[in-house]
């Protein structure tokens, strides 16, 4: 058996490692889609009306889930005000991704007009 395939695999693995270290190659996209803006972050704050929250645990669930989205800076959920305020990089995450994450938890979410 020839050692050519083994050497080829080793060289290919080395190239992939070098490219990965240099920041090239296949990169995962954030949950919200998009990518970092060449000009830097486009910070936006949006208010989402959320139905179904009944307590502090509901607030925590939303804050943890939405806060885990790449590009989200801060999340404040209030069950008494039935809203969630999210500060995020609009170049990296879209409001639809935030709404989807909240709805995946079982709540109804809608981006407030003018947000």
C-alpha atoms as a PDB file:
ATOM      1  CA  UNK A   1       0.000   0.000   0.000  1.00  0.00           C
ATOM      2  CA  UNK A   2       1.340   3.408  -0.949  1.00  0.00           C
ATOM      3  CA  UNK A   3       1.961   6.134   1.631  1.00  0.00           C
ATOM      4  CA  UNK A   4       0.778   8.778  -0.863  1.00  0.00           C
ATOM      5  CA  UNK A   5      -2.828   9.002   0.509  1.00  0.00           C
ATOM      6  CA  UNK A   6      -1.521   9.295   4.075  1.00  0.00           C
ATOM      7  CA  UNK A   7       0.890  12.068   3.120  1.00  0.00           C
ATOM      8  CA  UNK A   8      -1.803  13.847   1.114  1.00  0.00           C
ATOM      9  CA  UNK A   9      -4.165  13.702   4.077  1.00  0.00           C
ATOM     10  CA  UNK A  10      -1.452  15.009   6.418  1.00  0.00           C
ATOM     11  CA  UNK A  11      -0.643  17.927   4.106  1.00  0.00           C
ATOM     12  CA  UNK A  12      -4.340  18.749   3.642  1.00  0.00           C
ATOM     13  CA  UNK A  13      -4.863  18.671   7.417  1.00  0.00           C
ATOM     14  CA  UNK A  14      -1.915  21.012   7.902  1.00  0.00           C
ATOM     15  CA  UNK A  15      -3.289  23.453   5.329  1.00  0.00           C
ATOM     16  CA  UNK A  16      -6.712  23.440   6.987  1.00  0.00           C
ATOM     17  CA  UNK A  17      -5.106  24.094  10.384  1.00  0.00           C
ATOM     18  CA  UNK A  18      -3.079  27.008   8.992  1.00  0.00           C
ATOM     19  CA  UNK A  19      -6.130  28.531   7.304  1.00  0.00           C
ATOM     20  CA  UNK A  20      -8.205  28.139  10.459  1.00  0.00           C
ATOM     21  CA  UNK A  21      -5.515  29.842  12.526  1.00  0.00           C
ATOM     22  CA  UNK A  22      -5.399  32.664   9.990  1.00  0.00           C
ATOM     23  CA  UNK A  23      -9.167  33.093  10.198  1.00  0.00           C
ATOM     24  CA  UNK A  24      -9.991  31.664   6.769  1.00  0.00           C
ATOM     25  CA  UNK A  25     -12.233  28.837   5.768  1.00  0.00           C
ATOM     26  CA  UNK A  26     -15.725  27.805   6.734  1.00  0.00           C
ATOM     27  CA  UNK A  27     -17.124  29.953   9.511  1.00  0.00           C
ATOM     28  CA  UNK A  28     -20.383  29.429  11.320  1.00  0.00           C
ATOM     29  CA  UNK A  29     -22.925  32.174  11.031  1.00  0.00           C
ATOM     30  CA  UNK A  30     -24.635  33.581  14.056  1.00  0.00           C
ATOM     31  CA  UNK A  31     -28.209  32.581  14.804  1.00  0.00           C
ATOM     32  CA  UNK A  32     -29.383  35.889  13.434  1.00  0.00           C
ATOM     33  CA  UNK A  33     -27.593  35.538  10.134  1.00  0.00           C
ATOM     34  CA  UNK A  34     -25.459  38.168   8.526  1.00  0.00           C
ATOM     35  CA  UNK A  35     -21.930  38.816   9.624  1.00  0.00           C
ATOM     36  CA  UNK A  36     -19.850  41.496  11.222  1.00  0.00           C
ATOM     37  CA  UNK A  37     -20.094  44.765   9.380  1.00  0.00           C
ATOM     38  CA  UNK A  38     -16.814  46.020   7.894  1.00  0.00           C
ATOM     39  CA  UNK A  39     -17.617  49.415   9.441  1.00  0.00           C
ATOM     40  CA  UNK A  40     -18.096  47.893  12.896  1.00  0.00           C
ATOM     41  CA  UNK A  41     -21.179  47.150  14.972  1.00  0.00           C
ATOM     42  CA  UNK A  42     -24.510  48.766  14.147  1.00  0.00           C
ATOM     43  CA  UNK A  43     -26.000  48.837  17.629  1.00  0.00           C
ATOM     44  CA  UNK A  44     -29.782  48.966  17.770  1.00  0.00           C
ATOM     45  CA  UNK A  45     -32.296  48.683  20.586  1.00  0.00           C
ATOM     46  CA  UNK A  46     -35.673  47.122  19.874  1.00  0.00           C
ATOM     47  CA  UNK A  47     -38.729  46.444  22.002  1.00  0.00           C
ATOM     48  CA  UNK A  48     -40.639  43.187  21.574  1.00  0.00           C
ATOM     49  CA  UNK A  49     -44.154  42.738  22.929  1.00  0.00           C
ATOM     50  CA  UNK A  50     -44.231  39.301  24.557  1.00  0.00           C
ATOM     51  CA  UNK A  51     -47.373  37.450  25.630  1.00  0.00           C
ATOM     52  CA  UNK A  52     -47.300  34.461  27.947  1.00  0.00           C
ATOM     53  CA  UNK A  53     -44.697  35.508  30.529  1.00  0.00           C
ATOM     54  CA  UNK A  54     -46.071  35.059  34.044  1.00  0.00           C
ATOM     55  CA  UNK A  55     -43.080  35.286  36.387  1.00  0.00           C
ATOM     56  CA  UNK A  56     -39.401  35.942  36.888  1.00  0.00           C
ATOM     57  CA  UNK A  57     -38.522  32.472  35.589  1.00  0.00           C
ATOM     58  CA  UNK A  58     -40.128  33.384  32.267  1.00  0.00           C
ATOM     59  CA  UNK A  59     -38.020  36.542  32.178  1.00  0.00           C
ATOM     60  CA  UNK A  60     -34.861  34.545  32.918  1.00  0.00           C
ATOM     61  CA  UNK A  61     -35.635  32.009  30.190  1.00  0.00           C
ATOM     62  CA  UNK A  62     -36.015  34.759  27.592  1.00  0.00           C
ATOM     63  CA  UNK A  63     -32.945  36.653  28.823  1.00  0.00           C
ATOM     64  CA  UNK A  64     -30.794  33.512  28.704  1.00  0.00           C
ATOM     65  CA  UNK A  65     -32.012  32.335  25.320  1.00  0.00           C
ATOM     66  CA  UNK A  66     -31.921  35.687  23.540  1.00  0.00           C
ATOM     67  CA  UNK A  67     -28.688  36.642  25.304  1.00  0.00           C
ATOM     68  CA  UNK A  68     -27.019  33.560  23.811  1.00  0.00           C
ATOM     69  CA  UNK A  69     -27.602  34.797  20.268  1.00  0.00           C
ATOM     70  CA  UNK A  70     -24.330  35.991  18.774  1.00  0.00           C
ATOM     71  CA  UNK A  71     -24.528  39.760  18.357  1.00  0.00           C
ATOM     72  CA  UNK A  72     -26.943  40.400  21.237  1.00  0.00           C
ATOM     73  CA  UNK A  73     -25.475  42.751  23.853  1.00  0.00           C
ATOM     74  CA  UNK A  74     -28.213  43.074  26.490  1.00  0.00           C
ATOM     75  CA  UNK A  75     -31.681  41.668  27.142  1.00  0.00           C
ATOM     76  CA  UNK A  76     -34.231  42.940  29.648  1.00  0.00           C
ATOM     77  CA  UNK A  77     -37.489  41.017  29.910  1.00  0.00           C
ATOM     78  CA  UNK A  78     -40.442  42.096  32.053  1.00  0.00           C
ATOM     79  CA  UNK A  79     -43.452  39.883  32.626  1.00  0.00           C
ATOM     80  CA  UNK A  80     -45.375  42.740  34.274  1.00  0.00           C
ATOM     81  CA  UNK A  81     -44.856  45.053  31.286  1.00  0.00           C
ATOM     82  CA  UNK A  82     -45.177  42.161  28.799  1.00  0.00           C
ATOM     83  CA  UNK A  83     -42.105  43.284  26.887  1.00  0.00           C
ATOM     84  CA  UNK A  84     -38.483  42.482  26.183  1.00  0.00           C
ATOM     85  CA  UNK A  85     -35.918  45.136  25.307  1.00  0.00           C
ATOM     86  CA  UNK A  86     -32.936  43.895  23.316  1.00  0.00           C
ATOM     87  CA  UNK A  87     -29.774  45.811  22.427  1.00  0.00           C
ATOM     88  CA  UNK A  88     -27.933  44.128  19.568  1.00  0.00           C
ATOM     89  CA  UNK A  89     -25.617  44.510  16.598  1.00  0.00           C
ATOM     90  CA  UNK A  90     -28.040  44.846  13.670  1.00  0.00           C
ATOM     91  CA  UNK A  91     -25.290  43.785  11.257  1.00  0.00           C
ATOM     92  CA  UNK A  92     -25.071  40.394  12.987  1.00  0.00           C
ATOM     93  CA  UNK A  93     -28.592  39.585  14.169  1.00  0.00           C
ATOM     94  CA  UNK A  94     -32.025  40.391  12.794  1.00  0.00           C
ATOM     95  CA  UNK A  95     -35.208  41.091  14.804  1.00  0.00           C
ATOM     96  CA  UNK A  96     -36.805  38.020  13.205  1.00  0.00           C
ATOM     97  CA  UNK A  97     -34.173  35.800  14.838  1.00  0.00           C
ATOM     98  CA  UNK A  98     -34.934  37.338  18.235  1.00  0.00           C
ATOM     99  CA  UNK A  99     -38.676  36.854  17.754  1.00  0.00           C
ATOM    100  CA  UNK A 100     -38.110  33.243  16.668  1.00  0.00           C
ATOM    101  CA  UNK A 101     -35.954  32.512  19.733  1.00  0.00           C
ATOM    102  CA  UNK A 102     -38.649  33.881  22.075  1.00  0.00           C
ATOM    103  CA  UNK A 103     -41.400  31.965  20.290  1.00  0.00           C
ATOM    104  CA  UNK A 104     -39.371  28.755  20.443  1.00  0.00           C
ATOM    105  CA  UNK A 105     -39.702  29.030  24.230  1.00  0.00           C
ATOM    106  CA  UNK A 106     -43.496  29.008  23.871  1.00  0.00           C
ATOM    107  CA  UNK A 107     -44.248  32.739  24.123  1.00  0.00           C
ATOM    108  CA  UNK A 108     -45.830  34.991  21.516  1.00  0.00           C
ATOM    109  CA  UNK A 109     -43.474  37.764  20.412  1.00  0.00           C
ATOM    110  CA  UNK A 110     -43.868  40.717  18.078  1.00  0.00           C
ATOM    111  CA  UNK A 111     -41.477  43.534  17.251  1.00  0.00           C
ATOM    112  CA  UNK A 112     -43.075  46.746  18.499  1.00  0.00           C
ATOM    113  CA  UNK A 113     -43.792  49.273  15.754  1.00  0.00           C
ATOM    114  CA  UNK A 114     -41.104  51.904  15.473  1.00  0.00           C
ATOM    115  CA  UNK A 115     -38.481  49.723  17.178  1.00  0.00           C
END
